[in-house]
C-alpha atoms as a PDB file:
ATOM      1  CA  GLN A   1       0.000   0.000   0.000  1.00  0.00           C
ATOM      2  CA  VAL A   2       1.016   3.587  -0.667  1.00  0.00           C
ATOM      3  CA  GLN A   3       0.085   6.630   1.364  1.00  0.00           C
ATOM      4  CA  LEU A   4      -0.025  10.189   0.071  1.00  0.00           C
ATOM      5  CA  VAL A   5      -0.002  12.837   2.779  1.00  0.00           C
ATOM      6  CA  GLU A   6      -0.758  16.414   1.797  1.00  0.00           C
ATOM      7  CA  SER A   7       0.006  19.534   3.792  1.00  0.00           C
ATOM      8  CA  GLY A   8       0.067  23.287   3.365  1.00  0.00           C
ATOM      9  CA  GLY A   9      -3.557  24.216   2.774  1.00  0.00           C
ATOM     10  CA  GLY A  10      -5.279  27.029   4.623  1.00  0.00           C
ATOM     11  CA  LEU A  11      -6.934  30.405   4.399  1.00  0.00           C
ATOM     12  CA  VAL A  12      -5.291  33.179   2.411  1.00  0.00           C
ATOM     13  CA  GLN A  13      -6.370  36.531   1.017  1.00  0.00           C
ATOM     14  CA  ALA A  14      -6.675  37.095  -2.701  1.00  0.00           C
ATOM     15  CA  GLY A  15      -3.289  37.891  -4.191  1.00  0.00           C
ATOM     16  CA  GLY A  16      -1.491  35.829  -1.584  1.00  0.00           C
ATOM     17  CA  SER A  17       0.572  32.659  -1.860  1.00  0.00           C
ATOM     18  CA  LEU A  18       0.540  29.138  -0.481  1.00  0.00           C
ATOM     19  CA  ARG A  19       2.755  26.101  -0.951  1.00  0.00           C
ATOM     20  CA  LEU A  20       1.307  22.618  -0.893  1.00  0.00           C
ATOM     21  CA  SER A  21       3.355  19.477  -0.287  1.00  0.00           C
ATOM     22  CA  CYS A  22       2.554  15.826  -0.805  1.00  0.00           C
ATOM     23  CA  ALA A  23       4.809  12.994   0.334  1.00  0.00           C
ATOM     24  CA  ALA A  24       4.395   9.444  -0.910  1.00  0.00           C
ATOM     25  CA  SER A  25       5.421   6.535   1.294  1.00  0.00           C
ATOM     26  CA  GLY A  26       4.920   2.793   1.451  1.00  0.00           C
ATOM     27  CA  ARG A  27       5.713  -0.118  -0.832  1.00  0.00           C
ATOM     28  CA  ILE A  28       6.917   1.836  -3.836  1.00  0.00           C
ATOM     29  CA  PHE A  29       9.058   0.444  -6.611  1.00  0.00           C
ATOM     30  CA  SER A  30       8.901   3.662  -8.572  1.00  0.00           C
ATOM     31  CA  ILE A  31       6.521   6.535  -9.190  1.00  0.00           C
ATOM     32  CA  ASN A  32       5.482   7.661 -12.624  1.00  0.00           C
ATOM     33  CA  ALA A  33       3.669  10.986 -12.863  1.00  0.00           C
ATOM     34  CA  MET A  34       2.582  12.897  -9.784  1.00  0.00           C
ATOM     35  CA  GLY A  35       0.150  15.755  -9.751  1.00  0.00           C
ATOM     36  CA  TRP A  36      -2.404  17.974  -8.143  1.00  0.00           C
ATOM     37  CA  TYR A  37      -6.120  18.154  -8.817  1.00  0.00           C
ATOM     38  CA  ARG A  38      -8.748  20.313  -7.166  1.00  0.00           C
ATOM     39  CA  GLN A  39     -12.462  20.238  -6.579  1.00  0.00           C
ATOM     40  CA  ALA A  40     -14.513  23.326  -5.842  1.00  0.00           C
ATOM     41  CA  PRO A  41     -17.926  23.064  -4.149  1.00  0.00           C
ATOM     42  CA  GLY A  42     -20.502  21.825  -6.627  1.00  0.00           C
ATOM     43  CA  LYS A  43     -17.945  21.263  -9.377  1.00  0.00           C
ATOM     44  CA  GLN A  44     -16.074  18.321 -10.832  1.00  0.00           C
ATOM     45  CA  ARG A  45     -12.487  17.548  -9.941  1.00  0.00           C
ATOM     46  CA  GLU A  46     -10.111  19.263 -12.360  1.00  0.00           C
ATOM     47  CA  LEU A  47      -6.451  19.056 -13.245  1.00  0.00           C
ATOM     48  CA  VAL A  48      -4.182  21.629 -11.668  1.00  0.00           C
ATOM     49  CA  ALA A  49      -0.747  20.339 -12.682  1.00  0.00           C
ATOM     50  CA  THR A  50       1.248  17.179 -13.279  1.00  0.00           C
ATOM     51  CA  ILE A  51       4.940  16.366 -13.409  1.00  0.00           C
ATOM     52  CA  THR A  52       6.777  13.327 -14.768  1.00  0.00           C
ATOM     53  CA  PRO A  53       9.882  11.683 -13.272  1.00  0.00           C
ATOM     54  CA  GLY A  54      11.903  13.478 -15.937  1.00  0.00           C
ATOM     55  CA  GLY A  55      10.526  16.856 -14.885  1.00  0.00           C
ATOM     56  CA  SER A  56       8.102  17.502 -17.722  1.00  0.00           C
ATOM     57  CA  ARG A  57       5.296  19.689 -16.405  1.00  0.00           C
ATOM     58  CA  ASN A  58       1.728  20.296 -17.445  1.00  0.00           C
ATOM     59  CA  HIS A  59      -0.317  23.076 -15.859  1.00  0.00           C
ATOM     60  CA  GLY A  60      -4.027  23.619 -16.305  1.00  0.00           C
ATOM     61  CA  ASP A  61      -5.004  26.711 -18.279  1.00  0.00           C
ATOM     62  CA  SER A  62      -6.601  28.403 -15.275  1.00  0.00           C
ATOM     63  CA  VAL A  63      -3.368  28.304 -13.251  1.00  0.00           C
ATOM     64  CA  LYS A  64      -0.673  28.842 -15.885  1.00  0.00           C
ATOM     65  CA  GLY A  65       1.674  31.629 -14.894  1.00  0.00           C
ATOM     66  CA  ARG A  66       0.488  31.569 -11.276  1.00  0.00           C
ATOM     67  CA  PHE A  67       1.102  28.024 -10.024  1.00  0.00           C
ATOM     68  CA  THR A  68       4.252  25.928 -10.359  1.00  0.00           C
ATOM     69  CA  ILE A  69       4.563  22.218  -9.724  1.00  0.00           C
ATOM     70  CA  SER A  70       7.868  20.695  -8.688  1.00  0.00           C
ATOM     71  CA  ARG A  71       9.077  17.376  -7.416  1.00  0.00           C
ATOM     72  CA  LEU A  72      11.892  15.955  -5.320  1.00  0.00           C
ATOM     73  CA  GLU A  73      12.020  12.168  -5.321  1.00  0.00           C
ATOM     74  CA  ASN A  74       8.707  10.993  -3.843  1.00  0.00           C
ATOM     75  CA  THR A  75       7.457  14.431  -2.799  1.00  0.00           C
ATOM     76  CA  VAL A  76       5.548  16.802  -5.028  1.00  0.00           C
ATOM     77  CA  TYR A  77       5.018  20.494  -4.357  1.00  0.00           C
ATOM     78  CA  LEU A  78       2.633  23.110  -5.670  1.00  0.00           C
ATOM     79  CA  GLN A  79       3.669  26.743  -5.307  1.00  0.00           C
ATOM     80  CA  MET A  80       0.576  28.892  -5.692  1.00  0.00           C
ATOM     81  CA  SER A  81       0.859  32.642  -6.197  1.00  0.00           C
ATOM     82  CA  SER A  82      -1.537  35.441  -7.107  1.00  0.00           C
ATOM     83  CA  LEU A  83      -4.344  33.383  -5.640  1.00  0.00           C
ATOM     84  CA  LYS A  84      -7.909  34.183  -6.597  1.00  0.00           C
ATOM     85  CA  PRO A  85     -11.199  33.346  -4.842  1.00  0.00           C
ATOM     86  CA  GLU A  86     -11.964  30.926  -7.678  1.00  0.00           C
ATOM     87  CA  ASP A  87      -8.909  28.882  -6.644  1.00  0.00           C
ATOM     88  CA  THR A  88     -10.815  27.862  -3.527  1.00  0.00           C
ATOM     89  CA  GLY A  89     -11.342  24.130  -3.205  1.00  0.00           C
ATOM     90  CA  VAL A  90      -9.974  20.871  -1.920  1.00  0.00           C
ATOM     91  CA  TYR A  91      -6.630  20.074  -3.486  1.00  0.00           C
ATOM     92  CA  TYR A  92      -5.822  16.406  -4.001  1.00  0.00           C
ATOM     93  CA  CYS A  93      -2.436  14.854  -4.590  1.00  0.00           C
ATOM     94  CA  ASN A  94      -2.212  12.069  -7.151  1.00  0.00           C
ATOM     95  CA  ALA A  95       0.545   9.567  -7.875  1.00  0.00           C
ATOM     96  CA  ASN A  96       0.804   6.795 -10.425  1.00  0.00           C
ATOM     97  CA  VAL A  97       2.885   4.146  -8.706  1.00  0.00           C
ATOM     98  CA  MET A  98       4.613   1.034 -10.028  1.00  0.00           C
ATOM     99  CA  GLU A  99       4.309  -1.834  -7.555  1.00  0.00           C
ATOM    100  CA  GLY A 100       4.007  -5.591  -7.309  1.00  0.00           C
ATOM    101  CA  SER A 101       5.719  -8.391  -9.160  1.00  0.00           C
ATOM    102  CA  PRO A 102       5.314  -8.434 -12.081  1.00  0.00           C
ATOM    103  CA  ARG A 103       5.085  -4.667 -12.069  1.00  0.00           C
ATOM    104  CA  TYR A 104       1.806  -2.904 -12.571  1.00  0.00           C
ATOM    105  CA  SER A 105       0.709   0.694 -12.113  1.00  0.00           C
ATOM    106  CA  VAL A 106      -1.788   1.881  -9.532  1.00  0.00           C
ATOM    107  CA  ASN A 107      -3.302   5.338  -9.192  1.00  0.00           C
ATOM    108  CA  TYR A 108      -3.329   6.708  -5.640  1.00  0.00           C
ATOM    109  CA  TRP A 109      -5.036   9.768  -4.190  1.00  0.00           C
ATOM    110  CA  GLY A 110      -4.426  11.738  -1.038  1.00  0.00           C
ATOM    111  CA  LYS A 111      -7.258  12.735   1.281  1.00  0.00           C
ATOM    112  CA  GLY A 112      -7.073  16.346   0.160  1.00  0.00           C
ATOM    113  CA  THR A 113      -6.197  19.665   1.728  1.00  0.00           C
ATOM    114  CA  LEU A 114      -8.532  22.643   1.771  1.00  0.00           C
ATOM    115  CA  VAL A 115      -7.462  25.930   0.223  1.00  0.00           C
ATOM    116  CA  THR A 116      -9.696  28.924   0.854  1.00  0.00           C
ATOM    117  CA  VAL A 117      -9.023  32.247  -0.860  1.00  0.00           C
ATOM    118  CA  SER A 118     -10.940  35.205   0.531  1.00  0.00           C
ATOM    119  CA  SER A 119     -11.760  38.270  -1.553  1.00  0.00           C
END
């Protein structure tokens, strides 16, 4: 089993910054892509950003230029700047993990961390 533990959420005023972290632990052979998704009240979960083991990044259109994803081994970070009220939501960490023998990939999710941006 693999655990993803997120931290760094909270309440911030519009225009402010927050940094989210997510650490993966457990029976991990290797991790493929890691990423962040978010879900606002009454809306579907949406992509925020992903990053591959090689460092290739993909940011959602709504956060480009304001958010930056980074990764160090089994920990992924999301630096959020110029936050807007519409960035409010629960932010979930995601990791695609190789495990087992023979190897197979499994998608894991964290429990989420709440980000609230006040106007």
